[in-house]
Amino acid sequence: MSKSSDAVQTSLLAVTQTAVGCGIGLLLAGKLGRPAQKTTATTMISIGALLALPVVVIAVIRAVNRPESARGMRRRLDSIRRDSGYPDEAEIL
């Protein structure tokens, strides 16, 4: 995937989560008492954070393993050293 499609997907995820949260909040705002509103708000914020967690983890992993980083360079060099391009079962003459 390209960086632009990743950005579009991330933006779309954020917009949809926000829209769903606002819609639920508007539907429930006048129908709940004050303690229930606080509980609902806390629950919705927690669910939103849990849904966003995979996106944050992927972003951190990509930042740590980017090709320009020392770790990324070590991983690439190790993969080059380990993989000759031929399967282990192949007869090389």
PDB file of N, CA and C in Angstrom:
ATOM      1  N   MET A   1       0.834  -1.192   0.000  1.00  0.00           N
ATOM      2  CA  MET A   1       0.000   0.000   0.000  1.00  0.00           C
ATOM      3  C   MET A   1       0.871   1.244   0.000  1.00  0.00           C
ATOM      4  N   SER A   2       0.395   2.248  -0.638  1.00  0.00           N
ATOM      5  CA  SER A   2       1.143   3.490  -0.675  1.00  0.00           C
ATOM      6  C   SER A   2       0.810   4.334   0.547  1.00  0.00           C
ATOM      7  N   LYS A   3       1.648   5.319   0.776  1.00  0.00           N
ATOM      8  CA  LYS A   3       1.433   6.185   1.934  1.00  0.00           C
ATOM      9  C   LYS A   3       0.139   6.977   1.814  1.00  0.00           C
ATOM     10  N   SER A   4      -0.223   7.368   0.596  1.00  0.00           N
ATOM     11  CA  SER A   4      -1.444   8.152   0.423  1.00  0.00           C
ATOM     12  C   SER A   4      -2.681   7.328   0.729  1.00  0.00           C
ATOM     13  N   SER A   5      -2.692   6.044   0.338  1.00  0.00           N
ATOM     14  CA  SER A   5      -3.858   5.209   0.645  1.00  0.00           C
ATOM     15  C   SER A   5      -3.937   4.921   2.135  1.00  0.00           C
ATOM     16  N   ASP A   6      -2.786   4.801   2.811  1.00  0.00           N
ATOM     17  CA  ASP A   6      -2.791   4.630   4.265  1.00  0.00           C
ATOM     18  C   ASP A   6      -3.370   5.864   4.946  1.00  0.00           C
ATOM     19  N   ALA A   7      -2.999   7.033   4.465  1.00  0.00           N
ATOM     20  CA  ALA A   7      -3.509   8.270   5.048  1.00  0.00           C
ATOM     21  C   ALA A   7      -5.009   8.395   4.829  1.00  0.00           C
ATOM     22  N   VAL A   8      -5.479   7.996   3.661  1.00  0.00           N
ATOM     23  CA  VAL A   8      -6.911   8.051   3.374  1.00  0.00           C
ATOM     24  C   VAL A   8      -7.662   7.094   4.281  1.00  0.00           C
ATOM     25  N   GLN A   9      -7.144   5.883   4.453  1.00  0.00           N
ATOM     26  CA  GLN A   9      -7.802   4.907   5.315  1.00  0.00           C
ATOM     27  C   GLN A   9      -7.830   5.384   6.760  1.00  0.00           C
ATOM     28  N   THR A  10      -6.739   5.941   7.230  1.00  0.00           N
ATOM     29  CA  THR A  10      -6.682   6.441   8.597  1.00  0.00           C
ATOM     30  C   THR A  10      -7.658   7.593   8.791  1.00  0.00           C
ATOM     31  N   SER A  11      -7.712   8.490   7.836  1.00  0.00           N
ATOM     32  CA  SER A  11      -8.640   9.616   7.923  1.00  0.00           C
ATOM     33  C   SER A  11     -10.087   9.141   7.890  1.00  0.00           C
ATOM     34  N   LEU A  12     -10.372   8.185   7.014  1.00  0.00           N
ATOM     35  CA  LEU A  12     -11.723   7.647   6.927  1.00  0.00           C
ATOM     36  C   LEU A  12     -12.127   6.966   8.231  1.00  0.00           C
ATOM     37  N   LEU A  13     -11.209   6.238   8.829  1.00  0.00           N
ATOM     38  CA  LEU A  13     -11.469   5.592  10.111  1.00  0.00           C
ATOM     39  C   LEU A  13     -11.797   6.633  11.177  1.00  0.00           C
ATOM     40  N   ALA A  14     -11.031   7.691  11.232  1.00  0.00           N
ATOM     41  CA  ALA A  14     -11.262   8.729  12.237  1.00  0.00           C
ATOM     42  C   ALA A  14     -12.599   9.427  12.017  1.00  0.00           C
ATOM     43  N   VAL A  15     -12.923   9.730  10.777  1.00  0.00           N
ATOM     44  CA  VAL A  15     -14.173  10.420  10.476  1.00  0.00           C
ATOM     45  C   VAL A  15     -15.376   9.543  10.817  1.00  0.00           C
ATOM     46  N   THR A  16     -15.307   8.257  10.463  1.00  0.00           N
ATOM     47  CA  THR A  16     -16.437   7.376  10.748  1.00  0.00           C
ATOM     48  C   THR A  16     -16.626   7.184  12.244  1.00  0.00           C
ATOM     49  N   GLN A  17     -15.554   7.039  12.977  1.00  0.00           N
ATOM     50  CA  GLN A  17     -15.669   6.897  14.433  1.00  0.00           C
ATOM     51  C   GLN A  17     -16.265   8.158  15.054  1.00  0.00           C
ATOM     52  N   THR A  18     -15.830   9.289  14.589  1.00  0.00           N
ATOM     53  CA  THR A  18     -16.357  10.545  15.115  1.00  0.00           C
ATOM     54  C   THR A  18     -17.839  10.691  14.799  1.00  0.00           C
ATOM     55  N   ALA A  19     -18.214  10.373  13.575  1.00  0.00           N
ATOM     56  CA  ALA A  19     -19.618  10.488  13.176  1.00  0.00           C
ATOM     57  C   ALA A  19     -20.515   9.557  13.978  1.00  0.00           C
ATOM     58  N   VAL A  20     -20.085   8.333  14.167  1.00  0.00           N
ATOM     59  CA  VAL A  20     -20.882   7.381  14.946  1.00  0.00           C
ATOM     60  C   VAL A  20     -20.992   7.847  16.400  1.00  0.00           C
ATOM     61  N   GLY A  21     -19.905   8.281  16.965  1.00  0.00           N
ATOM     62  CA  GLY A  21     -19.925   8.751  18.346  1.00  0.00           C
ATOM     63  C   GLY A  21     -20.819   9.967  18.537  1.00  0.00           C
ATOM     64  N   CYS A  22     -20.724  10.912  17.631  1.00  0.00           N
ATOM     65  CA  CYS A  22     -21.583  12.108  17.717  1.00  0.00           C
ATOM     66  C   CYS A  22     -23.048  11.751  17.525  1.00  0.00           C
ATOM     67  N   GLY A  23     -23.322  10.861  16.586  1.00  0.00           N
ATOM     68  CA  GLY A  23     -24.704  10.450  16.353  1.00  0.00           C
ATOM     69  C   GLY A  23     -25.311   9.765  17.559  1.00  0.00           C
ATOM     70  N   ILE A  24     -24.572   8.864  18.153  1.00  0.00           N
ATOM     71  CA  ILE A  24     -25.067   8.184  19.361  1.00  0.00           C
ATOM     72  C   ILE A  24     -25.233   9.191  20.494  1.00  0.00           C
ATOM     73  N   GLY A  25     -24.285  10.084  20.629  1.00  0.00           N
ATOM     74  CA  GLY A  25     -24.374  11.098  21.679  1.00  0.00           C
ATOM     75  C   GLY A  25     -25.595  11.988  21.525  1.00  0.00           C
ATOM     76  N   LEU A  26     -25.865  12.404  20.289  1.00  0.00           N
ATOM     77  CA  LEU A  26     -27.043  13.241  20.050  1.00  0.00           C
ATOM     78  C   LEU A  26     -28.342  12.492  20.313  1.00  0.00           C
ATOM     79  N   LEU A  27     -28.377  11.219  19.959  1.00  0.00           N
ATOM     80  CA  LEU A  27     -29.581  10.433  20.191  1.00  0.00           C
ATOM     81  C   LEU A  27     -29.865  10.221  21.680  1.00  0.00           C
ATOM     82  N   LEU A  28     -28.812  10.064  22.446  1.00  0.00           N
ATOM     83  CA  LEU A  28     -28.988   9.736  23.861  1.00  0.00           C
ATOM     84  C   LEU A  28     -28.941  10.942  24.800  1.00  0.00           C
ATOM     85  N   ALA A  29     -28.530  12.102  24.312  1.00  0.00           N
ATOM     86  CA  ALA A  29     -28.261  13.251  25.179  1.00  0.00           C
ATOM     87  C   ALA A  29     -29.454  13.656  26.035  1.00  0.00           C
ATOM     88  N   GLY A  30     -30.629  13.786  25.465  1.00  0.00           N
ATOM     89  CA  GLY A  30     -31.766  14.267  26.226  1.00  0.00           C
ATOM     90  C   GLY A  30     -32.518  13.181  26.968  1.00  0.00           C
ATOM     91  N   LYS A  31     -32.225  11.933  26.702  1.00  0.00           N
ATOM     92  CA  LYS A  31     -32.996  10.845  27.262  1.00  0.00           C
ATOM     93  C   LYS A  31     -32.381  10.233  28.514  1.00  0.00           C
ATOM     94  N   LEU A  32     -31.200  10.654  28.882  1.00  0.00           N
ATOM     95  CA  LEU A  32     -30.508  10.059  30.019  1.00  0.00           C
ATOM     96  C   LEU A  32     -30.356  11.066  31.153  1.00  0.00           C
ATOM     97  N   GLY A  33     -30.313  10.544  32.357  1.00  0.00           N
ATOM     98  CA  GLY A  33     -30.010  11.389  33.517  1.00  0.00           C
ATOM     99  C   GLY A  33     -28.522  11.677  33.571  1.00  0.00           C
ATOM    100  N   ARG A  34     -28.120  12.570  34.454  1.00  0.00           N
ATOM    101  CA  ARG A  34     -26.719  13.001  34.541  1.00  0.00           C
ATOM    102  C   ARG A  34     -25.752  11.838  34.812  1.00  0.00           C
ATOM    103  N   PRO A  35     -26.005  10.951  35.765  1.00  0.00           N
ATOM    104  CA  PRO A  35     -25.056   9.839  35.993  1.00  0.00           C
ATOM    105  C   PRO A  35     -24.959   8.910  34.777  1.00  0.00           C
ATOM    106  N   ALA A  36     -26.085   8.658  34.121  1.00  0.00           N
ATOM    107  CA  ALA A  36     -26.072   7.793  32.945  1.00  0.00           C
ATOM    108  C   ALA A  36     -25.330   8.467  31.788  1.00  0.00           C
ATOM    109  N   GLN A  37     -25.439   9.787  31.679  1.00  0.00           N
ATOM    110  CA  GLN A  37     -24.709  10.506  30.632  1.00  0.00           C
ATOM    111  C   GLN A  37     -23.203  10.363  30.834  1.00  0.00           C
ATOM    112  N   LYS A  38     -22.755  10.487  32.080  1.00  0.00           N
ATOM    113  CA  LYS A  38     -21.322  10.358  32.373  1.00  0.00           C
ATOM    114  C   LYS A  38     -20.832   8.949  32.056  1.00  0.00           C
ATOM    115  N   THR A  39     -21.618   7.959  32.432  1.00  0.00           N
ATOM    116  CA  THR A  39     -21.239   6.573  32.170  1.00  0.00           C
ATOM    117  C   THR A  39     -21.187   6.297  30.668  1.00  0.00           C
ATOM    118  N   THR A  40     -22.189   6.785  29.948  1.00  0.00           N
ATOM    119  CA  THR A  40     -22.235   6.591  28.497  1.00  0.00           C
ATOM    120  C   THR A  40     -21.064   7.294  27.817  1.00  0.00           C
ATOM    121  N   ALA A  41     -20.765   8.506  28.246  1.00  0.00           N
ATOM    122  CA  ALA A  41     -19.642   9.250  27.659  1.00  0.00           C
ATOM    123  C   ALA A  41     -18.320   8.524  27.909  1.00  0.00           C
ATOM    124  N   THR A  42     -18.135   8.036  29.113  1.00  0.00           N
ATOM    125  CA  THR A  42     -16.903   7.308  29.446  1.00  0.00           C
ATOM    126  C   THR A  42     -16.786   6.041  28.607  1.00  0.00           C
ATOM    127  N   THR A  43     -17.900   5.338  28.461  1.00  0.00           N
ATOM    128  CA  THR A  43     -17.907   4.106  27.668  1.00  0.00           C
ATOM    129  C   THR A  43     -17.588   4.401  26.213  1.00  0.00           C
ATOM    130  N   MET A  44     -18.200   5.433  25.650  1.00  0.00           N
ATOM    131  CA  MET A  44     -17.962   5.768  24.246  1.00  0.00           C
ATOM    132  C   MET A  44     -16.520   6.201  24.007  1.00  0.00           C
ATOM    133  N   ILE A  45     -15.960   6.962  24.935  1.00  0.00           N
ATOM    134  CA  ILE A  45     -14.560   7.379  24.798  1.00  0.00           C
ATOM    135  C   ILE A  45     -13.642   6.162  24.872  1.00  0.00           C
ATOM    136  N   SER A  46     -13.945   5.242  25.775  1.00  0.00           N
ATOM    137  CA  SER A  46     -13.129   4.025  25.905  1.00  0.00           C
ATOM    138  C   SER A  46     -13.200   3.178  24.640  1.00  0.00           C
ATOM    139  N   ILE A  47     -14.390   3.010  24.101  1.00  0.00           N
ATOM    140  CA  ILE A  47     -14.544   2.225  22.871  1.00  0.00           C
ATOM    141  C   ILE A  47     -13.807   2.903  21.721  1.00  0.00           C
ATOM    142  N   GLY A  48     -13.914   4.211  21.612  1.00  0.00           N
ATOM    143  CA  GLY A  48     -13.196   4.938  20.564  1.00  0.00           C
ATOM    144  C   GLY A  48     -11.691   4.774  20.685  1.00  0.00           C
ATOM    145  N   ALA A  49     -11.182   4.820  21.919  1.00  0.00           N
ATOM    146  CA  ALA A  49      -9.743   4.643  22.133  1.00  0.00           C
ATOM    147  C   ALA A  49      -9.315   3.224  21.759  1.00  0.00           C
ATOM    148  N   LEU A  50     -10.115   2.237  22.122  1.00  0.00           N
ATOM    149  CA  LEU A  50      -9.783   0.851  21.781  1.00  0.00           C
ATOM    150  C   LEU A  50      -9.806   0.623  20.274  1.00  0.00           C
ATOM    151  N   LEU A  51     -10.753   1.251  19.575  1.00  0.00           N
ATOM    152  CA  LEU A  51     -10.826   1.101  18.130  1.00  0.00           C
ATOM    153  C   LEU A  51      -9.663   1.805  17.425  1.00  0.00           C
ATOM    154  N   ALA A  52      -9.170   2.876  18.017  1.00  0.00           N
ATOM    155  CA  ALA A  52      -8.061   3.617  17.408  1.00  0.00           C
ATOM    156  C   ALA A  52      -6.705   3.001  17.752  1.00  0.00           C
ATOM    157  N   LEU A  53      -6.648   2.151  18.764  1.00  0.00           N
ATOM    158  CA  LEU A  53      -5.383   1.578  19.218  1.00  0.00           C
ATOM    159  C   LEU A  53      -4.620   0.833  18.119  1.00  0.00           C
ATOM    160  N   PRO A  54      -5.257  -0.007  17.312  1.00  0.00           N
ATOM    161  CA  PRO A  54      -4.485  -0.694  16.258  1.00  0.00           C
ATOM    162  C   PRO A  54      -3.829   0.273  15.267  1.00  0.00           C
ATOM    163  N   VAL A  55      -4.498   1.352  14.947  1.00  0.00           N
ATOM    164  CA  VAL A  55      -3.929   2.331  14.021  1.00  0.00           C
ATOM    165  C   VAL A  55      -2.690   2.979  14.632  1.00  0.00           C
ATOM    166  N   VAL A  56      -2.748   3.298  15.916  1.00  0.00           N
ATOM    167  CA  VAL A  56      -1.610   3.905  16.607  1.00  0.00           C
ATOM    168  C   VAL A  56      -0.448   2.916  16.683  1.00  0.00           C
ATOM    169  N   VAL A  57      -0.737   1.666  17.004  1.00  0.00           N
ATOM    170  CA  VAL A  57       0.310   0.646  17.102  1.00  0.00           C
ATOM    171  C   VAL A  57       0.988   0.452  15.753  1.00  0.00           C
ATOM    172  N   ILE A  58       0.219   0.382  14.685  1.00  0.00           N
ATOM    173  CA  ILE A  58       0.798   0.225  13.343  1.00  0.00           C
ATOM    174  C   ILE A  58       1.684   1.420  12.994  1.00  0.00           C
ATOM    175  N   ALA A  59       1.244   2.614  13.337  1.00  0.00           N
ATOM    176  CA  ALA A  59       2.047   3.812  13.044  1.00  0.00           C
ATOM    177  C   ALA A  59       3.376   3.782  13.800  1.00  0.00           C
ATOM    178  N   VAL A  60       3.345   3.360  15.063  1.00  0.00           N
ATOM    179  CA  VAL A  60       4.579   3.281  15.859  1.00  0.00           C
ATOM    180  C   VAL A  60       5.503   2.213  15.300  1.00  0.00           C
ATOM    181  N   ILE A  61       4.954   1.052  14.953  1.00  0.00           N
ATOM    182  CA  ILE A  61       5.772  -0.022  14.395  1.00  0.00           C
ATOM    183  C   ILE A  61       6.420   0.419  13.091  1.00  0.00           C
ATOM    184  N   ARG A  62       5.660   1.106  12.236  1.00  0.00           N
ATOM    185  CA  ARG A  62       6.230   1.590  10.975  1.00  0.00           C
ATOM    186  C   ARG A  62       7.329   2.622  11.215  1.00  0.00           C
ATOM    187  N   ALA A  63       7.153   3.467  12.224  1.00  0.00           N
ATOM    188  CA  ALA A  63       8.180   4.474  12.520  1.00  0.00           C
ATOM    189  C   ALA A  63       9.455   3.818  13.026  1.00  0.00           C
ATOM    190  N   VAL A  64       9.314   2.779  13.833  1.00  0.00           N
ATOM    191  CA  VAL A  64      10.494   2.096  14.378  1.00  0.00           C
ATOM    192  C   VAL A  64      11.193   1.273  13.307  1.00  0.00           C
ATOM    193  N   ASN A  65      10.426   0.646  12.430  1.00  0.00           N
ATOM    194  CA  ASN A  65      11.000  -0.247  11.427  1.00  0.00           C
ATOM    195  C   ASN A  65      11.195   0.387  10.060  1.00  0.00           C
ATOM    196  N   ARG A  66      11.126   1.691   9.962  1.00  0.00           N
ATOM    197  CA  ARG A  66      11.296   2.329   8.661  1.00  0.00           C
ATOM    198  C   ARG A  66      12.696   2.005   8.130  1.00  0.00           C
ATOM    199  N   PRO A  67      12.843   1.950   6.820  1.00  0.00           N
ATOM    200  CA  PRO A  67      14.123   1.530   6.238  1.00  0.00           C
ATOM    201  C   PRO A  67      15.304   2.407   6.650  1.00  0.00           C
ATOM    202  N   GLU A  68      15.064   3.662   6.947  1.00  0.00           N
ATOM    203  CA  GLU A  68      16.171   4.555   7.290  1.00  0.00           C
ATOM    204  C   GLU A  68      16.669   4.369   8.718  1.00  0.00           C
ATOM    205  N   SER A  69      15.889   3.715   9.571  1.00  0.00           N
ATOM    206  CA  SER A  69      16.290   3.543  10.964  1.00  0.00           C
ATOM    207  C   SER A  69      17.350   2.456  11.081  1.00  0.00           C
ATOM    208  N   ALA A  70      18.092   2.482  12.169  1.00  0.00           N
ATOM    209  CA  ALA A  70      19.130   1.474  12.384  1.00  0.00           C
ATOM    210  C   ALA A  70      18.523   0.079  12.451  1.00  0.00           C
ATOM    211  N   ARG A  71      17.380  -0.042  13.119  1.00  0.00           N
ATOM    212  CA  ARG A  71      16.734  -1.345  13.222  1.00  0.00           C
ATOM    213  C   ARG A  71      16.259  -1.825  11.853  1.00  0.00           C
ATOM    214  N   GLY A  72      15.697  -0.930  11.063  1.00  0.00           N
ATOM    215  CA  GLY A  72      15.247  -1.290   9.728  1.00  0.00           C
ATOM    216  C   GLY A  72      16.398  -1.755   8.848  1.00  0.00           C
ATOM    217  N   MET A  73      17.539  -1.075   8.957  1.00  0.00           N
ATOM    218  CA  MET A  73      18.709  -1.465   8.173  1.00  0.00           C
ATOM    219  C   MET A  73      19.225  -2.835   8.603  1.00  0.00           C
ATOM    220  N   ARG A  74      19.260  -3.097   9.927  1.00  0.00           N
ATOM    221  CA  ARG A  74      19.705  -4.399  10.415  1.00  0.00           C
ATOM    222  C   ARG A  74      18.780  -5.513   9.933  1.00  0.00           C
ATOM    223  N   ARG A  75      17.465  -5.278   9.998  1.00  0.00           N
ATOM    224  CA  ARG A  75      16.509  -6.292   9.560  1.00  0.00           C
ATOM    225  C   ARG A  75      16.665  -6.576   8.072  1.00  0.00           C
ATOM    226  N   ARG A  76      16.859  -5.554   7.290  1.00  0.00           N
ATOM    227  CA  ARG A  76      17.017  -5.750   5.843  1.00  0.00           C
ATOM    228  C   ARG A  76      18.300  -6.510   5.542  1.00  0.00           C
ATOM    229  N   LEU A  77      19.383  -6.145   6.204  1.00  0.00           N
ATOM    230  CA  LEU A  77      20.651  -6.840   5.989  1.00  0.00           C
ATOM    231  C   LEU A  77      20.552  -8.295   6.427  1.00  0.00           C
ATOM    232  N   ASP A  78      19.907  -8.563   7.550  1.00  0.00           N
ATOM    233  CA  ASP A  78      19.723  -9.944   8.009  1.00  0.00           C
ATOM    234  C   ASP A  78      18.892 -10.743   7.019  1.00  0.00           C
ATOM    235  N   SER A  79      17.848 -10.139   6.469  1.00  0.00           N
ATOM    236  CA  SER A  79      17.019 -10.874   5.505  1.00  0.00           C
ATOM    237  C   SER A  79      17.791 -11.151   4.223  1.00  0.00           C
ATOM    238  N   ILE A  80      18.655 -10.249   3.830  1.00  0.00           N
ATOM    239  CA  ILE A  80      19.470 -10.478   2.638  1.00  0.00           C
ATOM    240  C   ILE A  80      20.458 -11.603   2.891  1.00  0.00           C
ATOM    241  N   ARG A  81      21.049 -11.622   4.065  1.00  0.00           N
ATOM    242  CA  ARG A  81      22.025 -12.663   4.392  1.00  0.00           C
ATOM    243  C   ARG A  81      21.363 -14.043   4.497  1.00  0.00           C
ATOM    244  N   ARG A  82      20.156 -14.098   5.046  1.00  0.00           N
ATOM    245  CA  ARG A  82      19.473 -15.380   5.235  1.00  0.00           C
ATOM    246  C   ARG A  82      18.884 -15.924   3.949  1.00  0.00           C
ATOM    247  N   ASP A  83      18.415 -15.080   3.092  1.00  0.00           N
ATOM    248  CA  ASP A  83      17.681 -15.527   1.913  1.00  0.00           C
ATOM    249  C   ASP A  83      18.546 -15.418   0.674  1.00  0.00           C
ATOM    250  N   SER A  84      18.901 -16.592   0.113  1.00  0.00           N
ATOM    251  CA  SER A  84      19.706 -16.593  -1.107  1.00  0.00           C
ATOM    252  C   SER A  84      18.842 -16.466  -2.346  1.00  0.00           C
ATOM    253  N   GLY A  85      17.518 -16.584  -2.182  1.00  0.00           N
ATOM    254  CA  GLY A  85      16.621 -16.502  -3.320  1.00  0.00           C
ATOM    255  C   GLY A  85      16.185 -17.866  -3.828  1.00  0.00           C
ATOM    256  N   TYR A  86      16.814 -18.918  -3.311  1.00  0.00           N
ATOM    257  CA  TYR A  86      16.445 -20.269  -3.711  1.00  0.00           C
ATOM    258  C   TYR A  86      15.838 -21.015  -2.531  1.00  0.00           C
ATOM    259  N   PRO A  87      14.835 -21.863  -2.793  1.00  0.00           N
ATOM    260  CA  PRO A  87      14.301 -22.671  -1.698  1.00  0.00           C
ATOM    261  C   PRO A  87      15.333 -23.659  -1.195  1.00  0.00           C
ATOM    262  N   ASP A  88      15.212 -24.103   0.042  1.00  0.00           N
ATOM    263  CA  ASP A  88      16.172 -25.013   0.636  1.00  0.00           C
ATOM    264  C   ASP A  88      16.228 -26.363  -0.107  1.00  0.00           C
ATOM    265  N   GLU A  89      15.123 -26.769  -0.726  1.00  0.00           N
ATOM    266  CA  GLU A  89      15.071 -28.068  -1.408  1.00  0.00           C
ATOM    267  C   GLU A  89      15.693 -28.028  -2.795  1.00  0.00           C
ATOM    268  N   ALA A  90      15.962 -26.858  -3.320  1.00  0.00           N
ATOM    269  CA  ALA A  90      16.436 -26.739  -4.692  1.00  0.00           C
ATOM    270  C   ALA A  90      17.897 -27.193  -4.789  1.00  0.00           C
ATOM    271  N   GLU A  91      18.193 -27.904  -5.893  1.00  0.00           N
ATOM    272  CA  GLU A  91      19.578 -28.303  -6.162  1.00  0.00           C
ATOM    273  C   GLU A  91      20.254 -27.163  -6.922  1.00  0.00           C
ATOM    274  N   ILE A  92      21.297 -26.649  -6.368  1.00  0.00           N
ATOM    275  CA  ILE A  92      22.029 -25.553  -7.013  1.00  0.00           C
ATOM    276  C   ILE A  92      23.322 -26.134  -7.556  1.00  0.00           C
ATOM    277  N   LEU A  93      23.508 -26.025  -8.842  1.00  0.00           N
ATOM    278  CA  LEU A  93      24.707 -26.584  -9.496  1.00  0.00           C
ATOM    279  C   LEU A  93      25.746 -25.570  -9.718  1.00  0.00           C
TER     280      LEU A  93
END
